[in-house]
Amino acid sequence: MNPADNANEKKVKVKLLKDGHSHAGKPCAKGDTISVTEADAKWLANPKRGLIAPTKAGAAGGEA
């Protein structure tokens, strides 16, 4: 995906539930908070991945 494609998308902050993830080319640890697009947050929150906890409203985190 081209980063410019989602440069204008709304960002949300999410907390990682697992180690072994990288974000913007940097390794992240369990408990780290990262800023991602809403679409990326939905992908990360998929129960099959379990990388972040979804919220009750269906969004994955707060505004960035």
N, C-alpha and C. Protein backbone atom coordinates (compact mmCIF):
# COMPACT_ATOMS: atom_id res chain seq x y z
N MET A 1 0.84 -1.17 0.00
CA MET A 1 0.00 0.00 0.00
C MET A 1 0.88 1.24 0.00
N ASN A 2 0.52 2.22 -0.78
CA ASN A 2 1.25 3.47 -0.85
C ASN A 2 0.83 4.35 0.33
N PRO A 3 1.78 4.79 1.17
CA PRO A 3 1.42 5.62 2.32
C PRO A 3 0.66 6.88 1.94
N ALA A 4 0.90 7.40 0.75
CA ALA A 4 0.19 8.61 0.32
C ALA A 4 -1.29 8.34 0.13
N ASP A 5 -1.67 7.09 -0.13
CA ASP A 5 -3.07 6.75 -0.34
C ASP A 5 -3.91 6.99 0.91
N ASN A 6 -3.33 6.86 2.09
CA ASN A 6 -4.11 7.03 3.31
C ASN A 6 -3.65 8.21 4.16
N ALA A 7 -2.89 9.13 3.57
CA ALA A 7 -2.36 10.27 4.31
C ALA A 7 -3.46 11.18 4.84
N ASN A 8 -4.59 11.25 4.17
CA ASN A 8 -5.67 12.13 4.59
C ASN A 8 -6.75 11.42 5.40
N GLU A 9 -6.59 10.12 5.64
CA GLU A 9 -7.57 9.37 6.41
C GLU A 9 -7.46 9.72 7.89
N LYS A 10 -8.61 9.64 8.59
CA LYS A 10 -8.63 9.87 10.02
C LYS A 10 -7.79 8.81 10.72
N LYS A 11 -7.01 9.24 11.70
CA LYS A 11 -6.15 8.33 12.46
C LYS A 11 -6.75 8.07 13.83
N VAL A 12 -6.49 6.89 14.34
CA VAL A 12 -6.89 6.51 15.69
C VAL A 12 -5.68 5.91 16.40
N LYS A 13 -5.67 6.02 17.72
CA LYS A 13 -4.60 5.41 18.51
C LYS A 13 -5.10 4.08 19.02
N VAL A 14 -4.26 3.06 18.90
CA VAL A 14 -4.60 1.72 19.35
C VAL A 14 -3.46 1.16 20.20
N LYS A 15 -3.81 0.26 21.11
CA LYS A 15 -2.80 -0.38 21.96
C LYS A 15 -2.63 -1.82 21.51
N LEU A 16 -1.40 -2.23 21.30
CA LEU A 16 -1.09 -3.58 20.84
C LEU A 16 -1.23 -4.60 21.97
N LEU A 17 -1.80 -5.75 21.65
CA LEU A 17 -2.00 -6.82 22.62
C LEU A 17 -0.93 -7.91 22.53
N LYS A 18 -0.11 -7.85 21.47
CA LYS A 18 0.89 -8.89 21.26
C LYS A 18 2.22 -8.28 20.85
N ASP A 19 3.30 -8.98 21.14
CA ASP A 19 4.63 -8.61 20.65
C ASP A 19 4.76 -9.05 19.20
N GLY A 20 5.83 -8.63 18.56
CA GLY A 20 6.14 -9.12 17.23
C GLY A 20 5.53 -8.32 16.09
N HIS A 21 4.99 -7.16 16.39
CA HIS A 21 4.41 -6.31 15.34
C HIS A 21 5.40 -5.20 15.03
N SER A 22 5.39 -4.72 13.80
CA SER A 22 6.19 -3.55 13.47
C SER A 22 5.26 -2.48 12.92
N HIS A 23 5.63 -1.22 13.14
CA HIS A 23 4.84 -0.09 12.68
C HIS A 23 5.79 0.97 12.18
N ALA A 24 5.57 1.42 10.96
CA ALA A 24 6.43 2.43 10.33
C ALA A 24 7.90 1.97 10.33
N GLY A 25 8.10 0.66 10.14
CA GLY A 25 9.44 0.10 10.04
C GLY A 25 10.14 -0.10 11.37
N LYS A 26 9.42 0.11 12.47
CA LYS A 26 10.04 -0.05 13.79
C LYS A 26 9.31 -1.15 14.56
N PRO A 27 10.08 -1.98 15.30
CA PRO A 27 9.44 -3.03 16.09
C PRO A 27 8.62 -2.45 17.23
N CYS A 28 7.51 -3.09 17.55
CA CYS A 28 6.64 -2.66 18.63
C CYS A 28 6.47 -3.81 19.61
N ALA A 29 6.20 -3.46 20.86
CA ALA A 29 6.01 -4.46 21.91
C ALA A 29 4.57 -4.43 22.40
N LYS A 30 4.17 -5.49 23.06
CA LYS A 30 2.86 -5.57 23.69
C LYS A 30 2.69 -4.35 24.59
N GLY A 31 1.54 -3.68 24.48
CA GLY A 31 1.26 -2.51 25.30
C GLY A 31 1.60 -1.19 24.64
N ASP A 32 2.37 -1.22 23.55
CA ASP A 32 2.69 0.01 22.83
C ASP A 32 1.44 0.59 22.20
N THR A 33 1.36 1.91 22.14
CA THR A 33 0.26 2.60 21.47
C THR A 33 0.79 3.15 20.16
N ILE A 34 0.06 2.89 19.08
CA ILE A 34 0.45 3.37 17.76
C ILE A 34 -0.73 4.10 17.13
N SER A 35 -0.45 4.98 16.18
CA SER A 35 -1.48 5.72 15.47
C SER A 35 -1.62 5.12 14.07
N VAL A 36 -2.85 4.70 13.75
CA VAL A 36 -3.12 4.04 12.47
C VAL A 36 -4.42 4.59 11.87
N THR A 37 -4.66 4.32 10.61
CA THR A 37 -5.93 4.71 10.00
C THR A 37 -7.05 3.84 10.58
N GLU A 38 -8.28 4.31 10.43
CA GLU A 38 -9.41 3.52 10.90
C GLU A 38 -9.46 2.17 10.20
N ALA A 39 -9.15 2.15 8.89
CA ALA A 39 -9.16 0.89 8.15
C ALA A 39 -8.10 -0.06 8.69
N ASP A 40 -6.91 0.45 8.98
CA ASP A 40 -5.86 -0.41 9.55
C ASP A 40 -6.26 -0.90 10.93
N ALA A 41 -6.92 -0.06 11.71
CA ALA A 41 -7.36 -0.47 13.05
C ALA A 41 -8.35 -1.62 12.95
N LYS A 42 -9.26 -1.56 12.00
CA LYS A 42 -10.22 -2.65 11.83
C LYS A 42 -9.49 -3.94 11.45
N TRP A 43 -8.48 -3.84 10.60
CA TRP A 43 -7.70 -5.01 10.19
C TRP A 43 -6.98 -5.60 11.41
N LEU A 44 -6.35 -4.74 12.21
CA LEU A 44 -5.61 -5.20 13.39
C LEU A 44 -6.53 -5.81 14.44
N ALA A 45 -7.78 -5.33 14.50
CA ALA A 45 -8.72 -5.80 15.51
C ALA A 45 -9.41 -7.11 15.14
N ASN A 46 -9.24 -7.58 13.92
CA ASN A 46 -9.87 -8.82 13.49
C ASN A 46 -9.53 -9.92 14.51
N PRO A 47 -10.54 -10.63 15.02
CA PRO A 47 -10.30 -11.67 16.03
C PRO A 47 -9.29 -12.73 15.60
N LYS A 48 -9.16 -12.98 14.31
CA LYS A 48 -8.18 -13.97 13.85
C LYS A 48 -6.75 -13.48 14.08
N ARG A 49 -6.57 -12.17 14.10
CA ARG A 49 -5.25 -11.59 14.34
C ARG A 49 -5.05 -11.28 15.82
N GLY A 50 -6.07 -10.66 16.43
CA GLY A 50 -6.00 -10.34 17.85
C GLY A 50 -4.88 -9.41 18.23
N LEU A 51 -4.53 -8.48 17.35
CA LEU A 51 -3.41 -7.60 17.64
C LEU A 51 -3.79 -6.40 18.50
N ILE A 52 -5.07 -5.96 18.42
CA ILE A 52 -5.56 -4.89 19.26
C ILE A 52 -6.97 -5.26 19.74
N ALA A 53 -7.39 -4.63 20.80
CA ALA A 53 -8.74 -4.89 21.31
C ALA A 53 -9.74 -3.94 20.66
N PRO A 54 -10.82 -4.46 20.12
CA PRO A 54 -11.85 -3.58 19.56
C PRO A 54 -12.63 -2.92 20.71
N THR A 55 -13.20 -1.75 20.43
CA THR A 55 -14.01 -1.07 21.44
C THR A 55 -15.47 -1.45 21.22
N LYS A 56 -16.33 -1.09 22.17
CA LYS A 56 -17.76 -1.40 22.09
C LYS A 56 -18.40 -0.78 20.87
N ALA A 57 -17.96 0.41 20.47
CA ALA A 57 -18.57 1.13 19.35
C ALA A 57 -18.14 0.59 18.01
N GLY A 58 -17.24 -0.37 18.00
CA GLY A 58 -16.77 -0.95 16.75
C GLY A 58 -15.50 -0.32 16.25
N ALA A 59 -15.14 0.83 16.80
CA ALA A 59 -13.87 1.45 16.44
C ALA A 59 -12.78 0.77 17.26
N ALA A 60 -11.56 0.93 16.83
CA ALA A 60 -10.47 0.23 17.50
C ALA A 60 -9.75 1.07 18.52
N GLY A 61 -9.98 2.35 18.55
CA GLY A 61 -9.26 3.18 19.51
C GLY A 61 -9.78 4.58 19.52
N GLY A 62 -9.02 5.47 20.13
CA GLY A 62 -9.41 6.87 20.19
C GLY A 62 -8.79 7.66 19.06
N GLU A 63 -9.22 8.91 18.93
CA GLU A 63 -8.66 9.74 17.87
C GLU A 63 -7.20 10.01 18.13
N ALA A 64 -6.44 10.10 17.05
CA ALA A 64 -5.00 10.35 17.16
C ALA A 64 -4.73 11.83 17.14
